[in-house]
């Protein structure tokens, strides 16, 4: 029942936001909502279009770059490998721009940790770069720092070490 309710709700939201755009094509909230809805529906091209427009309208908003990079990254997972390779620098660049605009952007660092883990080495995958972003997180968001470090250890099947970092995250998480 919930899934159909949510689908109905997102369709209503989509219609009302599209209506808003007809009278005000640069309405940031409507564009972002439509980008988010497109993303929920895995319509990556549409999401990329909305987030791209948001970036050009408000080029100092870190979240728009993060969302744009995320939609690009999701699209890269469904296109052929050759096309995906051509998207990597735009994906990285979007997340890095989000961090440049908001030095404490947690989600963009998480995304970069994941990206550097998932990419094969010959196209820029790198444990040391993943660790670099994990360490940055540790400096201002210890829970995220330990969680990303646990993720890195787990990815490389160093489960004992991963467990240590996850336990540290849980311990710190409870203290807040």
C-alpha atoms as a PDB file:
ATOM      1  CA  UNK A   1       0.000   0.000   0.000  1.00  0.00           C
ATOM      2  CA  UNK A   2       2.844   2.403   0.871  1.00  0.00           C
ATOM      3  CA  UNK A   3       4.583   1.991  -2.475  1.00  0.00           C
ATOM      4  CA  UNK A   4       1.476   2.907  -4.449  1.00  0.00           C
ATOM      5  CA  UNK A   5       0.793   5.825  -2.096  1.00  0.00           C
ATOM      6  CA  UNK A   6       4.355   7.125  -2.516  1.00  0.00           C
ATOM      7  CA  UNK A   7       4.155   6.703  -6.294  1.00  0.00           C
ATOM      8  CA  UNK A   8       0.877   8.625  -6.342  1.00  0.00           C
ATOM      9  CA  UNK A   9       2.366  11.309  -4.100  1.00  0.00           C
ATOM     10  CA  UNK A  10       5.447  11.673  -6.324  1.00  0.00           C
ATOM     11  CA  UNK A  11       3.257  11.894  -9.440  1.00  0.00           C
ATOM     12  CA  UNK A  12       1.216  14.678  -7.814  1.00  0.00           C
ATOM     13  CA  UNK A  13       4.400  16.459  -6.767  1.00  0.00           C
ATOM     14  CA  UNK A  14       5.786  16.095 -10.276  1.00  0.00           C
ATOM     15  CA  UNK A  15       2.645  17.591 -11.838  1.00  0.00           C
ATOM     16  CA  UNK A  16       2.501  20.534  -9.433  1.00  0.00           C
ATOM     17  CA  UNK A  17       6.224  21.279  -9.871  1.00  0.00           C
ATOM     18  CA  UNK A  18       5.969  21.052 -13.670  1.00  0.00           C
ATOM     19  CA  UNK A  19       3.078  23.519 -13.445  1.00  0.00           C
ATOM     20  CA  UNK A  20       5.253  25.853 -11.351  1.00  0.00           C
ATOM     21  CA  UNK A  21       7.988  25.700 -13.991  1.00  0.00           C
ATOM     22  CA  UNK A  22       5.558  26.781 -16.711  1.00  0.00           C
ATOM     23  CA  UNK A  23       5.060  30.116 -14.946  1.00  0.00           C
ATOM     24  CA  UNK A  24       8.599  30.328 -13.521  1.00  0.00           C
ATOM     25  CA  UNK A  25      11.086  28.161 -15.471  1.00  0.00           C
ATOM     26  CA  UNK A  26      13.893  29.051 -13.040  1.00  0.00           C
ATOM     27  CA  UNK A  27      12.108  28.039  -9.831  1.00  0.00           C
ATOM     28  CA  UNK A  28      14.947  26.355  -7.896  1.00  0.00           C
ATOM     29  CA  UNK A  29      12.728  24.378  -5.536  1.00  0.00           C
ATOM     30  CA  UNK A  30      10.604  23.027  -8.383  1.00  0.00           C
ATOM     31  CA  UNK A  31      13.667  22.089 -10.449  1.00  0.00           C
ATOM     32  CA  UNK A  32      15.255  20.320  -7.493  1.00  0.00           C
ATOM     33  CA  UNK A  33      12.043  18.468  -6.637  1.00  0.00           C
ATOM     34  CA  UNK A  34      11.695  17.326 -10.257  1.00  0.00           C
ATOM     35  CA  UNK A  35      15.329  16.227 -10.296  1.00  0.00           C
ATOM     36  CA  UNK A  36      14.791  14.271  -7.080  1.00  0.00           C
ATOM     37  CA  UNK A  37      11.617  12.645  -8.441  1.00  0.00           C
ATOM     38  CA  UNK A  38      13.390  11.726 -11.689  1.00  0.00           C
ATOM     39  CA  UNK A  39      16.170  10.179  -9.622  1.00  0.00           C
ATOM     40  CA  UNK A  40      13.711   8.182  -7.517  1.00  0.00           C
ATOM     41  CA  UNK A  41      12.242   6.869 -10.763  1.00  0.00           C
ATOM     42  CA  UNK A  42      15.760   6.068 -12.062  1.00  0.00           C
ATOM     43  CA  UNK A  43      15.273   8.462 -14.962  1.00  0.00           C
ATOM     44  CA  UNK A  44      18.895   9.586 -14.870  1.00  0.00           C
ATOM     45  CA  UNK A  45      18.871  11.745 -18.018  1.00  0.00           C
ATOM     46  CA  UNK A  46      15.971  13.803 -16.717  1.00  0.00           C
ATOM     47  CA  UNK A  47      17.599  14.121 -13.275  1.00  0.00           C
ATOM     48  CA  UNK A  48      20.893  15.188 -14.893  1.00  0.00           C
ATOM     49  CA  UNK A  49      18.989  17.798 -16.912  1.00  0.00           C
ATOM     50  CA  UNK A  50      17.264  19.308 -13.870  1.00  0.00           C
ATOM     51  CA  UNK A  51      20.402  19.299 -11.707  1.00  0.00           C
ATOM     52  CA  UNK A  52      22.449  20.712 -14.590  1.00  0.00           C
ATOM     53  CA  UNK A  53      20.029  23.605 -14.876  1.00  0.00           C
ATOM     54  CA  UNK A  54      20.191  24.154 -11.116  1.00  0.00           C
ATOM     55  CA  UNK A  55      24.004  24.322 -11.286  1.00  0.00           C
ATOM     56  CA  UNK A  56      23.884  26.953 -13.998  1.00  0.00           C
ATOM     57  CA  UNK A  57      21.236  29.018 -12.157  1.00  0.00           C
ATOM     58  CA  UNK A  58      22.993  28.857  -8.783  1.00  0.00           C
ATOM     59  CA  UNK A  59      26.633  27.863  -9.350  1.00  0.00           C
ATOM     60  CA  UNK A  60      27.617  28.247  -5.692  1.00  0.00           C
ATOM     61  CA  UNK A  61      25.227  25.621  -4.308  1.00  0.00           C
ATOM     62  CA  UNK A  62      27.229  22.523  -3.292  1.00  0.00           C
ATOM     63  CA  UNK A  63      24.210  20.201  -3.150  1.00  0.00           C
ATOM     64  CA  UNK A  64      23.387  20.807  -6.811  1.00  0.00           C
ATOM     65  CA  UNK A  65      26.857  19.584  -7.806  1.00  0.00           C
ATOM     66  CA  UNK A  66      26.544  16.613  -5.453  1.00  0.00           C
ATOM     67  CA  UNK A  67      23.159  15.636  -6.892  1.00  0.00           C
ATOM     68  CA  UNK A  68      24.366  16.178 -10.469  1.00  0.00           C
ATOM     69  CA  UNK A  69      27.403  13.958  -9.817  1.00  0.00           C
ATOM     70  CA  UNK A  70      25.198  11.345  -8.180  1.00  0.00           C
ATOM     71  CA  UNK A  71      22.800  11.206 -11.129  1.00  0.00           C
ATOM     72  CA  UNK A  72      25.757  10.981 -13.532  1.00  0.00           C
ATOM     73  CA  UNK A  73      27.238   8.187 -11.428  1.00  0.00           C
ATOM     74  CA  UNK A  74      23.981   6.254 -11.459  1.00  0.00           C
ATOM     75  CA  UNK A  75      23.699   6.682 -15.216  1.00  0.00           C
ATOM     76  CA  UNK A  76      27.292   5.457 -15.611  1.00  0.00           C
ATOM     77  CA  UNK A  77      26.213   2.193 -13.966  1.00  0.00           C
ATOM     78  CA  UNK A  78      23.604   1.507 -16.650  1.00  0.00           C
ATOM     79  CA  UNK A  79      25.373   2.598 -19.855  1.00  0.00           C
ATOM     80  CA  UNK A  80      28.031   0.594 -21.680  1.00  0.00           C
ATOM     81  CA  UNK A  81      31.455   0.520 -20.059  1.00  0.00           C
ATOM     82  CA  UNK A  82      33.088   2.612 -22.770  1.00  0.00           C
ATOM     83  CA  UNK A  83      30.553   5.424 -22.337  1.00  0.00           C
ATOM     84  CA  UNK A  84      30.833   5.146 -18.542  1.00  0.00           C
ATOM     85  CA  UNK A  85      34.612   5.662 -18.743  1.00  0.00           C
ATOM     86  CA  UNK A  86      34.014   8.984 -20.470  1.00  0.00           C
ATOM     87  CA  UNK A  87      31.789  10.109 -17.582  1.00  0.00           C
ATOM     88  CA  UNK A  88      34.232   9.485 -14.725  1.00  0.00           C
ATOM     89  CA  UNK A  89      35.965  12.869 -14.749  1.00  0.00           C
ATOM     90  CA  UNK A  90      32.601  14.717 -14.767  1.00  0.00           C
ATOM     91  CA  UNK A  91      31.384  12.606 -11.850  1.00  0.00           C
ATOM     92  CA  UNK A  92      34.572  13.192  -9.828  1.00  0.00           C
ATOM     93  CA  UNK A  93      34.602  16.869 -10.784  1.00  0.00           C
ATOM     94  CA  UNK A  94      31.024  17.360  -9.569  1.00  0.00           C
ATOM     95  CA  UNK A  95      31.701  15.810  -6.165  1.00  0.00           C
ATOM     96  CA  UNK A  96      34.979  17.730  -5.821  1.00  0.00           C
ATOM     97  CA  UNK A  97      33.210  20.988  -6.728  1.00  0.00           C
ATOM     98  CA  UNK A  98      30.591  20.284  -4.032  1.00  0.00           C
ATOM     99  CA  UNK A  99      33.428  19.927  -1.496  1.00  0.00           C
ATOM    100  CA  UNK A 100      35.122  23.072  -2.766  1.00  0.00           C
ATOM    101  CA  UNK A 101      31.867  25.021  -2.285  1.00  0.00           C
ATOM    102  CA  UNK A 102      31.074  23.374   1.058  1.00  0.00           C
ATOM    103  CA  UNK A 103      34.267  22.126   2.739  1.00  0.00           C
ATOM    104  CA  UNK A 104      32.207  20.045   5.192  1.00  0.00           C
ATOM    105  CA  UNK A 105      30.037  18.306   2.577  1.00  0.00           C
ATOM    106  CA  UNK A 106      29.724  14.802   4.021  1.00  0.00           C
ATOM    107  CA  UNK A 107      27.760  13.111   1.208  1.00  0.00           C
ATOM    108  CA  UNK A 108      30.152  14.203  -1.540  1.00  0.00           C
ATOM    109  CA  UNK A 109      33.067  12.657   0.377  1.00  0.00           C
ATOM    110  CA  UNK A 110      31.111   9.434   0.900  1.00  0.00           C
ATOM    111  CA  UNK A 111      30.449   9.381  -2.846  1.00  0.00           C
ATOM    112  CA  UNK A 112      34.139   9.875  -3.635  1.00  0.00           C
ATOM    113  CA  UNK A 113      35.167   7.119  -1.205  1.00  0.00           C
ATOM    114  CA  UNK A 114      32.748   4.781  -2.976  1.00  0.00           C
ATOM    115  CA  UNK A 115      33.831   5.943  -6.440  1.00  0.00           C
ATOM    116  CA  UNK A 116      37.526   5.376  -5.744  1.00  0.00           C
ATOM    117  CA  UNK A 117      36.741   1.921  -4.322  1.00  0.00           C
ATOM    118  CA  UNK A 118      34.554   0.844  -7.243  1.00  0.00           C
ATOM    119  CA  UNK A 119      36.701   2.148 -10.094  1.00  0.00           C
ATOM    120  CA  UNK A 120      39.295  -0.223 -11.503  1.00  0.00           C
ATOM    121  CA  UNK A 121      42.853   1.007 -10.915  1.00  0.00           C
ATOM    122  CA  UNK A 122      43.564   1.688 -14.581  1.00  0.00           C
ATOM    123  CA  UNK A 123      40.843   4.373 -14.689  1.00  0.00           C
ATOM    124  CA  UNK A 124      41.710   6.009 -11.403  1.00  0.00           C
ATOM    125  CA  UNK A 125      40.422   3.668  -8.719  1.00  0.00           C
ATOM    126  CA  UNK A 126      42.603   4.067  -5.669  1.00  0.00           C
ATOM    127  CA  UNK A 127      42.508   2.879  -2.079  1.00  0.00           C
ATOM    128  CA  UNK A 128      44.778   5.752  -1.045  1.00  0.00           C
ATOM    129  CA  UNK A 129      42.391   8.348  -2.537  1.00  0.00           C
ATOM    130  CA  UNK A 130      39.428   6.656  -0.819  1.00  0.00           C
ATOM    131  CA  UNK A 131      41.403   6.816   2.449  1.00  0.00           C
ATOM    132  CA  UNK A 132      42.173  10.490   1.859  1.00  0.00           C
ATOM    133  CA  UNK A 133      38.438  11.362   1.769  1.00  0.00           C
ATOM    134  CA  UNK A 134      37.739   9.044   4.702  1.00  0.00           C
ATOM    135  CA  UNK A 135      40.414  10.848   6.745  1.00  0.00           C
ATOM    136  CA  UNK A 136      38.931  14.230   5.826  1.00  0.00           C
ATOM    137  CA  UNK A 137      35.581  13.008   7.148  1.00  0.00           C
ATOM    138  CA  UNK A 138      37.217  11.754  10.325  1.00  0.00           C
ATOM    139  CA  UNK A 139      38.478  15.296  10.985  1.00  0.00           C
ATOM    140  CA  UNK A 140      35.015  16.899  11.178  1.00  0.00           C
ATOM    141  CA  UNK A 141      32.518  14.011  11.304  1.00  0.00           C
ATOM    142  CA  UNK A 142      34.155  11.143  13.205  1.00  0.00           C
ATOM    143  CA  UNK A 143      31.165   8.799  12.788  1.00  0.00           C
ATOM    144  CA  UNK A 144      31.307   9.189   8.998  1.00  0.00           C
ATOM    145  CA  UNK A 145      35.090   8.923   9.079  1.00  0.00           C
ATOM    146  CA  UNK A 146      34.978   5.585  10.905  1.00  0.00           C
ATOM    147  CA  UNK A 147      32.066   4.313   8.788  1.00  0.00           C
ATOM    148  CA  UNK A 148      33.855   5.108   5.521  1.00  0.00           C
ATOM    149  CA  UNK A 149      37.052   3.531   6.858  1.00  0.00           C
ATOM    150  CA  UNK A 150      35.062   0.429   7.799  1.00  0.00           C
ATOM    151  CA  UNK A 151      33.599   0.421   4.290  1.00  0.00           C
ATOM    152  CA  UNK A 152      37.091   0.587   2.762  1.00  0.00           C
ATOM    153  CA  UNK A 153      38.378  -2.263   4.959  1.00  0.00           C
ATOM    154  CA  UNK A 154      35.276  -4.333   4.167  1.00  0.00           C
ATOM    155  CA  UNK A 155      35.661  -3.704   0.422  1.00  0.00           C
ATOM    156  CA  UNK A 156      39.174  -5.165   0.541  1.00  0.00           C
ATOM    157  CA  UNK A 157      37.900  -8.097   2.650  1.00  0.00           C
ATOM    158  CA  UNK A 158      39.830  -7.038   5.748  1.00  0.00           C
ATOM    159  CA  UNK A 159      36.845  -7.904   7.909  1.00  0.00           C
ATOM    160  CA  UNK A 160      38.532  -7.847  11.345  1.00  0.00           C
ATOM    161  CA  UNK A 161      39.820  -4.347  10.677  1.00  0.00           C
ATOM    162  CA  UNK A 162      36.433  -3.272   9.259  1.00  0.00           C
ATOM    163  CA  UNK A 163      34.728  -4.466  12.426  1.00  0.00           C
ATOM    164  CA  UNK A 164      37.065  -2.319  14.562  1.00  0.00           C
ATOM    165  CA  UNK A 165      36.135   0.823  12.594  1.00  0.00           C
ATOM    166  CA  UNK A 166      32.412   0.042  12.583  1.00  0.00           C
ATOM    167  CA  UNK A 167      32.517  -0.474  16.374  1.00  0.00           C
ATOM    168  CA  UNK A 168      34.282   2.880  16.808  1.00  0.00           C
ATOM    169  CA  UNK A 169      31.522   4.519  14.721  1.00  0.00           C
ATOM    170  CA  UNK A 170      28.834   2.900  16.874  1.00  0.00           C
ATOM    171  CA  UNK A 171      30.560   3.981  20.098  1.00  0.00           C
ATOM    172  CA  UNK A 172      30.870   7.582  18.913  1.00  0.00           C
ATOM    173  CA  UNK A 173      27.382   7.587  17.394  1.00  0.00           C
ATOM    174  CA  UNK A 174      25.851   6.720  20.766  1.00  0.00           C
ATOM    175  CA  UNK A 175      27.728   9.534  22.485  1.00  0.00           C
ATOM    176  CA  UNK A 176      25.951  12.111  20.338  1.00  0.00           C
END
